[in-house]
Amino acid sequence: MVRNGAILLTPPVHHWECPACDRTAVTHEQRPHSQMHACAGLGGLLAPYIPAGTRGRVTAAVREDYEAHAGRAGTETLQRDDRGVPHLSVTAEYDTPDGGTRQHVAIFVPGININIGQ
């Protein structure tokens, strides 16, 4: 469409899907990006989608270190699934059209809660 000498470009359309659940999404971002969602197949953890129509998998890594302040004031805020299991990350890995593989990773960095002045 041409209007006043300017050309209106159609934004790109990216279709996403999750191999661990039935959710899909559509984005219109021009820059490289990865769409995220709360994945029912991974117990509600934040997970990246993979491009629709590609073969891939989504996996969650359990946090294997100890919970430093469990049960005391100053507790860590860990990302947990719906069973209460703490997780370190979620990785979406998929095949690319050129025969390679690509990964998108959501890393869950724990925070610490501190009561000041009490």
PDB file of N, CA and C in Angstrom:
ATOM      1  N   MET A   1       0.849  -1.169   0.000  1.00  0.00           N
ATOM      2  CA  MET A   1       0.000   0.000   0.000  1.00  0.00           C
ATOM      3  C   MET A   1       0.897   1.236   0.000  1.00  0.00           C
ATOM      4  N   VAL A   2       0.657   2.146  -0.878  1.00  0.00           N
ATOM      5  CA  VAL A   2       1.429   3.379  -0.968  1.00  0.00           C
ATOM      6  C   VAL A   2       0.517   4.538  -0.579  1.00  0.00           C
ATOM      7  N   ARG A   3       1.019   5.376   0.322  1.00  0.00           N
ATOM      8  CA  ARG A   3       0.224   6.518   0.790  1.00  0.00           C
ATOM      9  C   ARG A   3       1.169   7.696   0.973  1.00  0.00           C
ATOM     10  N   ASN A   4       0.919   8.788   0.308  1.00  0.00           N
ATOM     11  CA  ASN A   4       1.751   9.990   0.390  1.00  0.00           C
ATOM     12  C   ASN A   4       3.219   9.690   0.102  1.00  0.00           C
ATOM     13  N   GLY A   5       3.485   8.779  -0.824  1.00  0.00           N
ATOM     14  CA  GLY A   5       4.856   8.451  -1.182  1.00  0.00           C
ATOM     15  C   GLY A   5       5.547   7.491  -0.235  1.00  0.00           C
ATOM     16  N   ALA A   6       4.878   7.083   0.844  1.00  0.00           N
ATOM     17  CA  ALA A   6       5.476   6.152   1.811  1.00  0.00           C
ATOM     18  C   ALA A   6       4.916   4.754   1.587  1.00  0.00           C
ATOM     19  N   ILE A   7       5.727   3.763   1.804  1.00  0.00           N
ATOM     20  CA  ILE A   7       5.297   2.380   1.659  1.00  0.00           C
ATOM     21  C   ILE A   7       5.069   1.799   3.046  1.00  0.00           C
ATOM     22  N   LEU A   8       3.881   1.268   3.267  1.00  0.00           N
ATOM     23  CA  LEU A   8       3.554   0.616   4.534  1.00  0.00           C
ATOM     24  C   LEU A   8       4.015  -0.830   4.452  1.00  0.00           C
ATOM     25  N   LEU A   9       4.974  -1.195   5.279  1.00  0.00           N
ATOM     26  CA  LEU A   9       5.488  -2.560   5.297  1.00  0.00           C
ATOM     27  C   LEU A   9       4.687  -3.403   6.279  1.00  0.00           C
ATOM     28  N   THR A  10       4.407  -4.605   5.887  1.00  0.00           N
ATOM     29  CA  THR A  10       3.696  -5.533   6.758  1.00  0.00           C
ATOM     30  C   THR A  10       4.678  -6.096   7.780  1.00  0.00           C
ATOM     31  N   PRO A  11       4.349  -6.001   9.083  1.00  0.00           N
ATOM     32  CA  PRO A  11       5.272  -6.552  10.090  1.00  0.00           C
ATOM     33  C   PRO A  11       5.374  -8.070   9.939  1.00  0.00           C
ATOM     34  N   PRO A  12       6.527  -8.637  10.313  1.00  0.00           N
ATOM     35  CA  PRO A  12       6.690 -10.094  10.202  1.00  0.00           C
ATOM     36  C   PRO A  12       5.761 -10.820  11.174  1.00  0.00           C
ATOM     37  N   VAL A  13       5.401 -12.017  10.832  1.00  0.00           N
ATOM     38  CA  VAL A  13       4.560 -12.849  11.690  1.00  0.00           C
ATOM     39  C   VAL A  13       5.362 -14.088  12.074  1.00  0.00           C
ATOM     40  N   HIS A  14       5.495 -14.320  13.391  1.00  0.00           N
ATOM     41  CA  HIS A  14       6.204 -15.492  13.903  1.00  0.00           C
ATOM     42  C   HIS A  14       5.196 -16.354  14.661  1.00  0.00           C
ATOM     43  N   HIS A  15       5.088 -17.615  14.281  1.00  0.00           N
ATOM     44  CA  HIS A  15       4.200 -18.559  14.957  1.00  0.00           C
ATOM     45  C   HIS A  15       5.041 -19.441  15.870  1.00  0.00           C
ATOM     46  N   TRP A  16       4.555 -19.624  17.102  1.00  0.00           N
ATOM     47  CA  TRP A  16       5.275 -20.385  18.130  1.00  0.00           C
ATOM     48  C   TRP A  16       4.390 -21.506  18.656  1.00  0.00           C
ATOM     49  N   GLU A  17       5.032 -22.574  19.161  1.00  0.00           N
ATOM     50  CA  GLU A  17       4.316 -23.661  19.805  1.00  0.00           C
ATOM     51  C   GLU A  17       5.196 -24.264  20.899  1.00  0.00           C
ATOM     52  N   CYS A  18       4.564 -25.020  21.779  1.00  0.00           N
ATOM     53  CA  CYS A  18       5.306 -25.676  22.851  1.00  0.00           C
ATOM     54  C   CYS A  18       5.141 -27.183  22.719  1.00  0.00           C
ATOM     55  N   PRO A  19       6.252 -27.935  22.631  1.00  0.00           N
ATOM     56  CA  PRO A  19       6.137 -29.389  22.545  1.00  0.00           C
ATOM     57  C   PRO A  19       5.740 -30.057  23.861  1.00  0.00           C
ATOM     58  N   ALA A  20       5.775 -29.321  24.975  1.00  0.00           N
ATOM     59  CA  ALA A  20       5.437 -29.897  26.280  1.00  0.00           C
ATOM     60  C   ALA A  20       3.977 -29.661  26.675  1.00  0.00           C
ATOM     61  N   CYS A  21       3.296 -28.733  25.999  1.00  0.00           N
ATOM     62  CA  CYS A  21       1.883 -28.460  26.275  1.00  0.00           C
ATOM     63  C   CYS A  21       1.205 -28.074  24.963  1.00  0.00           C
ATOM     64  N   ASP A  22      -0.040 -27.674  25.003  1.00  0.00           N
ATOM     65  CA  ASP A  22      -0.766 -27.372  23.768  1.00  0.00           C
ATOM     66  C   ASP A  22      -0.836 -25.877  23.445  1.00  0.00           C
ATOM     67  N   ARG A  23      -0.048 -25.051  24.111  1.00  0.00           N
ATOM     68  CA  ARG A  23      -0.112 -23.604  23.889  1.00  0.00           C
ATOM     69  C   ARG A  23       0.609 -23.188  22.620  1.00  0.00           C
ATOM     70  N   THR A  24       0.082 -22.146  21.984  1.00  0.00           N
ATOM     71  CA  THR A  24       0.694 -21.539  20.803  1.00  0.00           C
ATOM     72  C   THR A  24       0.658 -20.030  20.975  1.00  0.00           C
ATOM     73  N   ALA A  25       1.439 -19.321  20.163  1.00  0.00           N
ATOM     74  CA  ALA A  25       1.461 -17.860  20.216  1.00  0.00           C
ATOM     75  C   ALA A  25       1.864 -17.312  18.855  1.00  0.00           C
ATOM     76  N   VAL A  26       1.552 -16.038  18.639  1.00  0.00           N
ATOM     77  CA  VAL A  26       1.949 -15.330  17.430  1.00  0.00           C
ATOM     78  C   VAL A  26       2.567 -13.999  17.862  1.00  0.00           C
ATOM     79  N   THR A  27       3.741 -13.659  17.313  1.00  0.00           N
ATOM     80  CA  THR A  27       4.367 -12.367  17.591  1.00  0.00           C
ATOM     81  C   THR A  27       4.643 -11.647  16.280  1.00  0.00           C
ATOM     82  N   HIS A  28       4.865 -10.335  16.389  1.00  0.00           N
ATOM     83  CA  HIS A  28       5.123  -9.493  15.220  1.00  0.00           C
ATOM     84  C   HIS A  28       6.398  -8.677  15.400  1.00  0.00           C
ATOM     85  N   GLU A  29       7.332  -9.172  16.194  1.00  0.00           N
ATOM     86  CA  GLU A  29       8.594  -8.492  16.479  1.00  0.00           C
ATOM     87  C   GLU A  29       9.558  -8.664  15.311  1.00  0.00           C
ATOM     88  N   GLN A  30      10.217  -7.574  14.911  1.00  0.00           N
ATOM     89  CA  GLN A  30      11.181  -7.654  13.814  1.00  0.00           C
ATOM     90  C   GLN A  30      12.535  -8.180  14.276  1.00  0.00           C
ATOM     91  N   ARG A  31      12.931  -7.835  15.486  1.00  0.00           N
ATOM     92  CA  ARG A  31      14.241  -8.262  15.998  1.00  0.00           C
ATOM     93  C   ARG A  31      14.198  -9.724  16.430  1.00  0.00           C
ATOM     94  N   PRO A  32      15.355 -10.391  16.492  1.00  0.00           N
ATOM     95  CA  PRO A  32      15.373 -11.773  17.010  1.00  0.00           C
ATOM     96  C   PRO A  32      14.830 -11.808  18.435  1.00  0.00           C
ATOM     97  N   HIS A  33      14.010 -12.777  18.723  1.00  0.00           N
ATOM     98  CA  HIS A  33      13.399 -12.894  20.046  1.00  0.00           C
ATOM     99  C   HIS A  33      12.900 -14.314  20.265  1.00  0.00           C
ATOM    100  N   SER A  34      12.535 -14.594  21.501  1.00  0.00           N
ATOM    101  CA  SER A  34      11.933 -15.867  21.869  1.00  0.00           C
ATOM    102  C   SER A  34      10.724 -15.569  22.734  1.00  0.00           C
ATOM    103  N   GLN A  35       9.600 -16.115  22.392  1.00  0.00           N
ATOM    104  CA  GLN A  35       8.372 -15.910  23.151  1.00  0.00           C
ATOM    105  C   GLN A  35       8.342 -16.873  24.335  1.00  0.00           C
ATOM    106  N   MET A  36       7.848 -16.419  25.492  1.00  0.00           N
ATOM    107  CA  MET A  36       7.813 -17.232  26.712  1.00  0.00           C
ATOM    108  C   MET A  36       6.361 -17.452  27.148  1.00  0.00           C
ATOM    109  N   HIS A  37       6.154 -18.486  27.978  1.00  0.00           N
ATOM    110  CA  HIS A  37       4.826 -18.764  28.525  1.00  0.00           C
ATOM    111  C   HIS A  37       4.954 -19.600  29.803  1.00  0.00           C
ATOM    112  N   ALA A  38       3.891 -19.592  30.608  1.00  0.00           N
ATOM    113  CA  ALA A  38       3.814 -20.465  31.783  1.00  0.00           C
ATOM    114  C   ALA A  38       3.347 -21.827  31.279  1.00  0.00           C
ATOM    115  N   CYS A  39       4.241 -22.806  31.257  1.00  0.00           N
ATOM    116  CA  CYS A  39       3.996 -24.094  30.606  1.00  0.00           C
ATOM    117  C   CYS A  39       3.285 -25.079  31.538  1.00  0.00           C
ATOM    118  N   ALA A  40       2.092 -25.490  31.164  1.00  0.00           N
ATOM    119  CA  ALA A  40       1.337 -26.468  31.951  1.00  0.00           C
ATOM    120  C   ALA A  40       2.031 -27.826  31.950  1.00  0.00           C
ATOM    121  N   GLY A  41       2.718 -28.163  30.867  1.00  0.00           N
ATOM    122  CA  GLY A  41       3.427 -29.436  30.779  1.00  0.00           C
ATOM    123  C   GLY A  41       4.649 -29.517  31.676  1.00  0.00           C
ATOM    124  N   LEU A  42       5.159 -28.351  32.116  1.00  0.00           N
ATOM    125  CA  LEU A  42       6.316 -28.302  33.018  1.00  0.00           C
ATOM    126  C   LEU A  42       5.922 -27.770  34.393  1.00  0.00           C
ATOM    127  N   GLY A  43       4.680 -27.965  34.767  1.00  0.00           N
ATOM    128  CA  GLY A  43       4.235 -27.575  36.100  1.00  0.00           C
ATOM    129  C   GLY A  43       4.150 -26.079  36.316  1.00  0.00           C
ATOM    130  N   GLY A  44       3.881 -25.301  35.253  1.00  0.00           N
ATOM    131  CA  GLY A  44       3.711 -23.861  35.393  1.00  0.00           C
ATOM    132  C   GLY A  44       4.992 -23.054  35.304  1.00  0.00           C
ATOM    133  N   LEU A  45       6.122 -23.698  35.032  1.00  0.00           N
ATOM    134  CA  LEU A  45       7.391 -22.968  34.903  1.00  0.00           C
ATOM    135  C   LEU A  45       7.387 -22.091  33.655  1.00  0.00           C
ATOM    136  N   LEU A  46       8.076 -20.958  33.728  1.00  0.00           N
ATOM    137  CA  LEU A  46       8.239 -20.084  32.578  1.00  0.00           C
ATOM    138  C   LEU A  46       9.129 -20.783  31.562  1.00  0.00           C
ATOM    139  N   ALA A  47       8.631 -20.956  30.332  1.00  0.00           N
ATOM    140  CA  ALA A  47       9.367 -21.716  29.320  1.00  0.00           C
ATOM    141  C   ALA A  47       9.319 -21.012  27.969  1.00  0.00           C
ATOM    142  N   PRO A  48      10.411 -21.119  27.192  1.00  0.00           N
ATOM    143  CA  PRO A  48      10.397 -20.567  25.840  1.00  0.00           C
ATOM    144  C   PRO A  48       9.599 -21.471  24.900  1.00  0.00           C
ATOM    145  N   TYR A  49       8.910 -20.856  23.942  1.00  0.00           N
ATOM    146  CA  TYR A  49       8.297 -21.601  22.842  1.00  0.00           C
ATOM    147  C   TYR A  49       9.385 -21.963  21.838  1.00  0.00           C
ATOM    148  N   ILE A  50       9.033 -22.839  20.899  1.00  0.00           N
ATOM    149  CA  ILE A  50       9.884 -23.083  19.744  1.00  0.00           C
ATOM    150  C   ILE A  50       9.098 -22.644  18.505  1.00  0.00           C
ATOM    151  N   PRO A  51       9.788 -22.340  17.387  1.00  0.00           N
ATOM    152  CA  PRO A  51       9.052 -21.949  16.179  1.00  0.00           C
ATOM    153  C   PRO A  51       8.088 -23.059  15.749  1.00  0.00           C
ATOM    154  N   ALA A  52       6.867 -22.682  15.381  1.00  0.00           N
ATOM    155  CA  ALA A  52       5.857 -23.656  14.963  1.00  0.00           C
ATOM    156  C   ALA A  52       6.342 -24.428  13.747  1.00  0.00           C
ATOM    157  N   GLY A  53       6.064 -25.717  13.750  1.00  0.00           N
ATOM    158  CA  GLY A  53       6.432 -26.566  12.632  1.00  0.00           C
ATOM    159  C   GLY A  53       7.828 -27.141  12.716  1.00  0.00           C
ATOM    160  N   THR A  54       8.576 -26.817  13.768  1.00  0.00           N
ATOM    161  CA  THR A  54       9.915 -27.385  13.926  1.00  0.00           C
ATOM    162  C   THR A  54       9.865 -28.538  14.925  1.00  0.00           C
ATOM    163  N   ARG A  55      10.842 -29.401  14.835  1.00  0.00           N
ATOM    164  CA  ARG A  55      10.936 -30.523  15.762  1.00  0.00           C
ATOM    165  C   ARG A  55      11.823 -30.102  16.919  1.00  0.00           C
ATOM    166  N   GLY A  56      11.356 -30.322  18.147  1.00  0.00           N
ATOM    167  CA  GLY A  56      12.158 -29.935  19.295  1.00  0.00           C
ATOM    168  C   GLY A  56      11.596 -30.453  20.590  1.00  0.00           C
ATOM    169  N   ARG A  57      12.209 -30.000  21.687  1.00  0.00           N
ATOM    170  CA  ARG A  57      11.765 -30.425  23.015  1.00  0.00           C
ATOM    171  C   ARG A  57      12.038 -29.306  24.006  1.00  0.00           C
ATOM    172  N   VAL A  58      11.316 -29.354  25.109  1.00  0.00           N
ATOM    173  CA  VAL A  58      11.492 -28.409  26.206  1.00  0.00           C
ATOM    174  C   VAL A  58      11.741 -29.221  27.465  1.00  0.00           C
ATOM    175  N   THR A  59      12.836 -28.907  28.179  1.00  0.00           N
ATOM    176  CA  THR A  59      13.179 -29.650  29.387  1.00  0.00           C
ATOM    177  C   THR A  59      13.464 -28.691  30.538  1.00  0.00           C
ATOM    178  N   ALA A  60      13.157 -29.139  31.747  1.00  0.00           N
ATOM    179  CA  ALA A  60      13.413 -28.351  32.952  1.00  0.00           C
ATOM    180  C   ALA A  60      14.546 -28.994  33.744  1.00  0.00           C
ATOM    181  N   ALA A  61      15.474 -28.177  34.231  1.00  0.00           N
ATOM    182  CA  ALA A  61      16.597 -28.664  35.044  1.00  0.00           C
ATOM    183  C   ALA A  61      16.289 -28.414  36.517  1.00  0.00           C
ATOM    184  N   VAL A  62      16.283 -29.487  37.302  1.00  0.00           N
ATOM    185  CA  VAL A  62      16.018 -29.383  38.741  1.00  0.00           C
ATOM    186  C   VAL A  62      17.226 -28.744  39.409  1.00  0.00           C
ATOM    187  N   ARG A  63      16.955 -27.858  40.359  1.00  0.00           N
ATOM    188  CA  ARG A  63      18.025 -27.222  41.128  1.00  0.00           C
ATOM    189  C   ARG A  63      18.578 -28.251  42.095  1.00  0.00           C
ATOM    190  N   GLU A  64      19.826 -28.662  41.896  1.00  0.00           N
ATOM    191  CA  GLU A  64      20.403 -29.756  42.679  1.00  0.00           C
ATOM    192  C   GLU A  64      21.215 -29.305  43.884  1.00  0.00           C
ATOM    193  N   ASP A  65      21.470 -28.006  44.027  1.00  0.00           N
ATOM    194  CA  ASP A  65      22.217 -27.558  45.203  1.00  0.00           C
ATOM    195  C   ASP A  65      21.261 -27.380  46.381  1.00  0.00           C
ATOM    196  N   TYR A  66      21.796 -27.079  47.531  1.00  0.00           N
ATOM    197  CA  TYR A  66      20.976 -26.971  48.730  1.00  0.00           C
ATOM    198  C   TYR A  66      20.253 -25.625  48.780  1.00  0.00           C
ATOM    199  N   GLU A  67      19.226 -25.567  49.617  1.00  0.00           N
ATOM    200  CA  GLU A  67      18.521 -24.318  49.857  1.00  0.00           C
ATOM    201  C   GLU A  67      19.142 -23.706  51.107  1.00  0.00           C
ATOM    202  N   ALA A  68      19.956 -22.695  50.920  1.00  0.00           N
ATOM    203  CA  ALA A  68      20.823 -22.160  51.962  1.00  0.00           C
ATOM    204  C   ALA A  68      20.088 -21.719  53.231  1.00  0.00           C
ATOM    205  N   HIS A  69      18.964 -21.067  53.091  1.00  0.00           N
ATOM    206  CA  HIS A  69      18.304 -20.495  54.256  1.00  0.00           C
ATOM    207  C   HIS A  69      16.925 -21.089  54.497  1.00  0.00           C
ATOM    208  N   ALA A  70      16.735 -22.325  54.141  1.00  0.00           N
ATOM    209  CA  ALA A  70      15.414 -22.941  54.256  1.00  0.00           C
ATOM    210  C   ALA A  70      14.888 -22.874  55.687  1.00  0.00           C
ATOM    211  N   GLY A  71      13.688 -22.338  55.836  1.00  0.00           N
ATOM    212  CA  GLY A  71      13.025 -22.298  57.132  1.00  0.00           C
ATOM    213  C   GLY A  71      13.471 -21.182  58.055  1.00  0.00           C
ATOM    214  N   ARG A  72      14.347 -20.268  57.621  1.00  0.00           N
ATOM    215  CA  ARG A  72      14.807 -19.169  58.477  1.00  0.00           C
ATOM    216  C   ARG A  72      14.491 -17.829  57.837  1.00  0.00           C
ATOM    217  N   ALA A  73      14.574 -16.772  58.617  1.00  0.00           N
ATOM    218  CA  ALA A  73      14.416 -15.420  58.071  1.00  0.00           C
ATOM    219  C   ALA A  73      15.524 -15.189  57.059  1.00  0.00           C
ATOM    220  N   GLY A  74      15.231 -14.477  55.988  1.00  0.00           N
ATOM    221  CA  GLY A  74      16.215 -14.274  54.934  1.00  0.00           C
ATOM    222  C   GLY A  74      16.183 -15.414  53.934  1.00  0.00           C
ATOM    223  N   THR A  75      15.005 -15.921  53.652  1.00  0.00           N
ATOM    224  CA  THR A  75      14.883 -17.082  52.778  1.00  0.00           C
ATOM    225  C   THR A  75      15.089 -16.728  51.308  1.00  0.00           C
ATOM    226  N   GLU A  76      15.585 -17.698  50.543  1.00  0.00           N
ATOM    227  CA  GLU A  76      15.761 -17.525  49.109  1.00  0.00           C
ATOM    228  C   GLU A  76      14.422 -17.680  48.392  1.00  0.00           C
ATOM    229  N   THR A  77      14.256 -16.943  47.316  1.00  0.00           N
ATOM    230  CA  THR A  77      13.076 -17.065  46.472  1.00  0.00           C
ATOM    231  C   THR A  77      13.475 -17.912  45.273  1.00  0.00           C
ATOM    232  N   LEU A  78      13.041 -19.163  45.255  1.00  0.00           N
ATOM    233  CA  LEU A  78      13.390 -20.088  44.182  1.00  0.00           C
ATOM    234  C   LEU A  78      12.195 -20.277  43.255  1.00  0.00           C
ATOM    235  N   GLN A  79      12.462 -20.538  41.987  1.00  0.00           N
ATOM    236  CA  GLN A  79      11.401 -20.843  41.035  1.00  0.00           C
ATOM    237  C   GLN A  79      11.000 -22.301  41.216  1.00  0.00           C
ATOM    238  N   ARG A  80       9.745 -22.531  41.558  1.00  0.00           N
ATOM    239  CA  ARG A  80       9.262 -23.884  41.824  1.00  0.00           C
ATOM    240  C   ARG A  80       8.136 -24.247  40.857  1.00  0.00           C
ATOM    241  N   ASP A  81       8.042 -25.553  40.572  1.00  0.00           N
ATOM    242  CA  ASP A  81       6.924 -25.999  39.743  1.00  0.00           C
ATOM    243  C   ASP A  81       5.706 -26.199  40.644  1.00  0.00           C
ATOM    244  N   ASP A  82       4.605 -26.680  40.075  1.00  0.00           N
ATOM    245  CA  ASP A  82       3.375 -26.819  40.857  1.00  0.00           C
ATOM    246  C   ASP A  82       3.438 -27.928  41.918  1.00  0.00           C
ATOM    247  N   ARG A  83       4.509 -28.727  41.923  1.00  0.00           N
ATOM    248  CA  ARG A  83       4.731 -29.737  42.974  1.00  0.00           C
ATOM    249  C   ARG A  83       5.652 -29.224  44.069  1.00  0.00           C
ATOM    250  N   GLY A  84       6.187 -27.999  43.906  1.00  0.00           N
ATOM    251  CA  GLY A  84       7.083 -27.419  44.896  1.00  0.00           C
ATOM    252  C   GLY A  84       8.553 -27.724  44.671  1.00  0.00           C
ATOM    253  N   VAL A  85       8.894 -28.378  43.569  1.00  0.00           N
ATOM    254  CA  VAL A  85      10.283 -28.730  43.270  1.00  0.00           C
ATOM    255  C   VAL A  85      11.006 -27.497  42.718  1.00  0.00           C
ATOM    256  N   PRO A  86      12.151 -27.093  43.319  1.00  0.00           N
ATOM    257  CA  PRO A  86      12.877 -25.934  42.802  1.00  0.00           C
ATOM    258  C   PRO A  86      13.614 -26.271  41.503  1.00  0.00           C
ATOM    259  N   HIS A  87      13.596 -25.322  40.559  1.00  0.00           N
ATOM    260  CA  HIS A  87      14.240 -25.531  39.259  1.00  0.00           C
ATOM    261  C   HIS A  87      15.263 -24.440  38.975  1.00  0.00           C
ATOM    262  N   LEU A  88      16.279 -24.813  38.230  1.00  0.00           N
ATOM    263  CA  LEU A  88      17.366 -23.918  37.848  1.00  0.00           C
ATOM    264  C   LEU A  88      17.101 -23.236  36.512  1.00  0.00           C
ATOM    265  N   SER A  89      16.548 -23.988  35.539  1.00  0.00           N
ATOM    266  CA  SER A  89      16.335 -23.428  34.201  1.00  0.00           C
ATOM    267  C   SER A  89      15.369 -24.293  33.401  1.00  0.00           C
ATOM    268  N   VAL A  90      14.915 -23.721  32.276  1.00  0.00           N
ATOM    269  CA  VAL A  90      14.137 -24.452  31.280  1.00  0.00           C
ATOM    270  C   VAL A  90      14.805 -24.199  29.939  1.00  0.00           C
ATOM    271  N   THR A  91      15.037 -25.262  29.166  1.00  0.00           N
ATOM    272  CA  THR A  91      15.696 -25.150  27.863  1.00  0.00           C
ATOM    273  C   THR A  91      14.770 -25.652  26.769  1.00  0.00           C
ATOM    274  N   ALA A  92      14.618 -24.844  25.729  1.00  0.00           N
ATOM    275  CA  ALA A  92      13.897 -25.256  24.519  1.00  0.00           C
ATOM    276  C   ALA A  92      14.945 -25.458  23.437  1.00  0.00           C
ATOM    277  N   GLU A  93      15.016 -26.656  22.895  1.00  0.00           N
ATOM    278  CA  GLU A  93      15.984 -26.979  21.857  1.00  0.00           C
ATOM    279  C   GLU A  93      15.213 -27.443  20.629  1.00  0.00           C
ATOM    280  N   TYR A  94      15.589 -26.915  19.448  1.00  0.00           N
ATOM    281  CA  TYR A  94      14.861 -27.289  18.236  1.00  0.00           C
ATOM    282  C   TYR A  94      15.800 -27.305  17.031  1.00  0.00           C
ATOM    283  N   ASP A  95      15.359 -28.032  16.000  1.00  0.00           N
ATOM    284  CA  ASP A  95      16.118 -28.135  14.756  1.00  0.00           C
ATOM    285  C   ASP A  95      15.882 -26.900  13.894  1.00  0.00           C
ATOM    286  N   THR A  96      16.933 -26.439  13.220  1.00  0.00           N
ATOM    287  CA  THR A  96      16.813 -25.302  12.303  1.00  0.00           C
ATOM    288  C   THR A  96      16.717 -25.820  10.869  1.00  0.00           C
ATOM    289  N   PRO A  97      16.198 -24.999   9.941  1.00  0.00           N
ATOM    290  CA  PRO A  97      16.058 -25.448   8.551  1.00  0.00           C
ATOM    291  C   PRO A  97      17.375 -25.836   7.876  1.00  0.00           C
ATOM    292  N   ASP A  98      18.494 -25.286   8.356  1.00  0.00           N
ATOM    293  CA  ASP A  98      19.785 -25.597   7.737  1.00  0.00           C
ATOM    294  C   ASP A  98      20.441 -26.855   8.319  1.00  0.00           C
ATOM    295  N   GLY A  99      19.719 -27.608   9.134  1.00  0.00           N
ATOM    296  CA  GLY A  99      20.237 -28.862   9.685  1.00  0.00           C
ATOM    297  C   GLY A  99      20.908 -28.733  11.037  1.00  0.00           C
ATOM    298  N   GLY A 100      20.973 -27.539  11.590  1.00  0.00           N
ATOM    299  CA  GLY A 100      21.577 -27.330  12.903  1.00  0.00           C
ATOM    300  C   GLY A 100      20.540 -27.391  14.011  1.00  0.00           C
ATOM    301  N   THR A 101      20.963 -27.015  15.201  1.00  0.00           N
ATOM    302  CA  THR A 101      20.043 -26.921  16.334  1.00  0.00           C
ATOM    303  C   THR A 101      20.214 -25.560  16.997  1.00  0.00           C
ATOM    304  N   ARG A 102      19.191 -25.122  17.679  1.00  0.00           N
ATOM    305  CA  ARG A 102      19.224 -23.855  18.393  1.00  0.00           C
ATOM    306  C   ARG A 102      18.575 -24.066  19.752  1.00  0.00           C
ATOM    307  N   GLN A 103      19.041 -23.296  20.740  1.00  0.00           N
ATOM    308  CA  GLN A 103      18.487 -23.377  22.097  1.00  0.00           C
ATOM    309  C   GLN A 103      18.035 -21.999  22.559  1.00  0.00           C
ATOM    310  N   HIS A 104      16.928 -21.983  23.280  1.00  0.00           N
ATOM    311  CA  HIS A 104      16.481 -20.809  24.023  1.00  0.00           C
ATOM    312  C   HIS A 104      16.384 -21.270  25.470  1.00  0.00           C
ATOM    313  N   VAL A 105      16.911 -20.478  26.398  1.00  0.00           N
ATOM    314  CA  VAL A 105      16.979 -20.897  27.796  1.00  0.00           C
ATOM    315  C   VAL A 105      16.396 -19.816  28.704  1.00  0.00           C
ATOM    316  N   ALA A 106      15.575 -20.229  29.654  1.00  0.00           N
ATOM    317  CA  ALA A 106      15.097 -19.361  30.731  1.00  0.00           C
ATOM    318  C   ALA A 106      15.838 -19.804  31.990  1.00  0.00           C
ATOM    319  N   ILE A 107      16.636 -18.912  32.576  1.00  0.00           N
ATOM    320  CA  ILE A 107      17.415 -19.237  33.781  1.00  0.00           C
ATOM    321  C   ILE A 107      16.749 -18.560  34.974  1.00  0.00           C
ATOM    322  N   PHE A 108      16.538 -19.321  36.034  1.00  0.00           N
ATOM    323  CA  PHE A 108      15.866 -18.823  37.230  1.00  0.00           C
ATOM    324  C   PHE A 108      16.895 -18.506  38.302  1.00  0.00           C
ATOM    325  N   VAL A 109      17.250 -17.245  38.426  1.00  0.00           N
ATOM    326  CA  VAL A 109      18.235 -16.803  39.413  1.00  0.00           C
ATOM    327  C   VAL A 109      17.501 -16.529  40.726  1.00  0.00           C
ATOM    328  N   PRO A 110      17.913 -17.186  41.821  1.00  0.00           N
ATOM    329  CA  PRO A 110      17.211 -16.971  43.079  1.00  0.00           C
ATOM    330  C   PRO A 110      17.487 -15.583  43.647  1.00  0.00           C
ATOM    331  N   GLY A 111      16.478 -15.054  44.303  1.00  0.00           N
ATOM    332  CA  GLY A 111      16.638 -13.794  45.029  1.00  0.00           C
ATOM    333  C   GLY A 111      16.652 -14.111  46.516  1.00  0.00           C
ATOM    334  N   ILE A 112      16.986 -13.128  47.314  1.00  0.00           N
ATOM    335  CA  ILE A 112      16.988 -13.337  48.770  1.00  0.00           C
ATOM    336  C   ILE A 112      16.097 -12.284  49.405  1.00  0.00           C
ATOM    337  N   ASN A 113      15.299 -12.700  50.359  1.00  0.00           N
ATOM    338  CA  ASN A 113      14.396 -11.807  51.089  1.00  0.00           C
ATOM    339  C   ASN A 113      15.021 -11.489  52.434  1.00  0.00           C
ATOM    340  N   ILE A 114      15.159 -10.190  52.736  1.00  0.00           N
ATOM    341  CA  ILE A 114      15.769  -9.772  53.996  1.00  0.00           C
ATOM    342  C   ILE A 114      14.851  -8.768  54.684  1.00  0.00           C
ATOM    343  N   ASN A 115      14.612  -8.975  55.963  1.00  0.00           N
ATOM    344  CA  ASN A 115      13.832  -8.031  56.762  1.00  0.00           C
ATOM    345  C   ASN A 115      14.789  -7.017  57.370  1.00  0.00           C
ATOM    346  N   ILE A 116      14.603  -5.741  57.052  1.00  0.00           N
ATOM    347  CA  ILE A 116      15.473  -4.684  57.560  1.00  0.00           C
ATOM    348  C   ILE A 116      14.721  -3.874  58.594  1.00  0.00           C
ATOM    349  N   GLY A 117      15.354  -3.662  59.729  1.00  0.00           N
ATOM    350  CA  GLY A 117      14.785  -2.787  60.760  1.00  0.00           C
ATOM    351  C   GLY A 117      13.716  -3.423  61.608  1.00  0.00           C
ATOM    352  N   GLN A 118      13.669  -4.693  61.697  1.00  0.00           N
ATOM    353  CA  GLN A 118      12.646  -5.331  62.545  1.00  0.00           C
ATOM    354  C   GLN A 118      13.294  -6.230  63.555  1.00  0.00           C
TER     355      GLN A 118
END
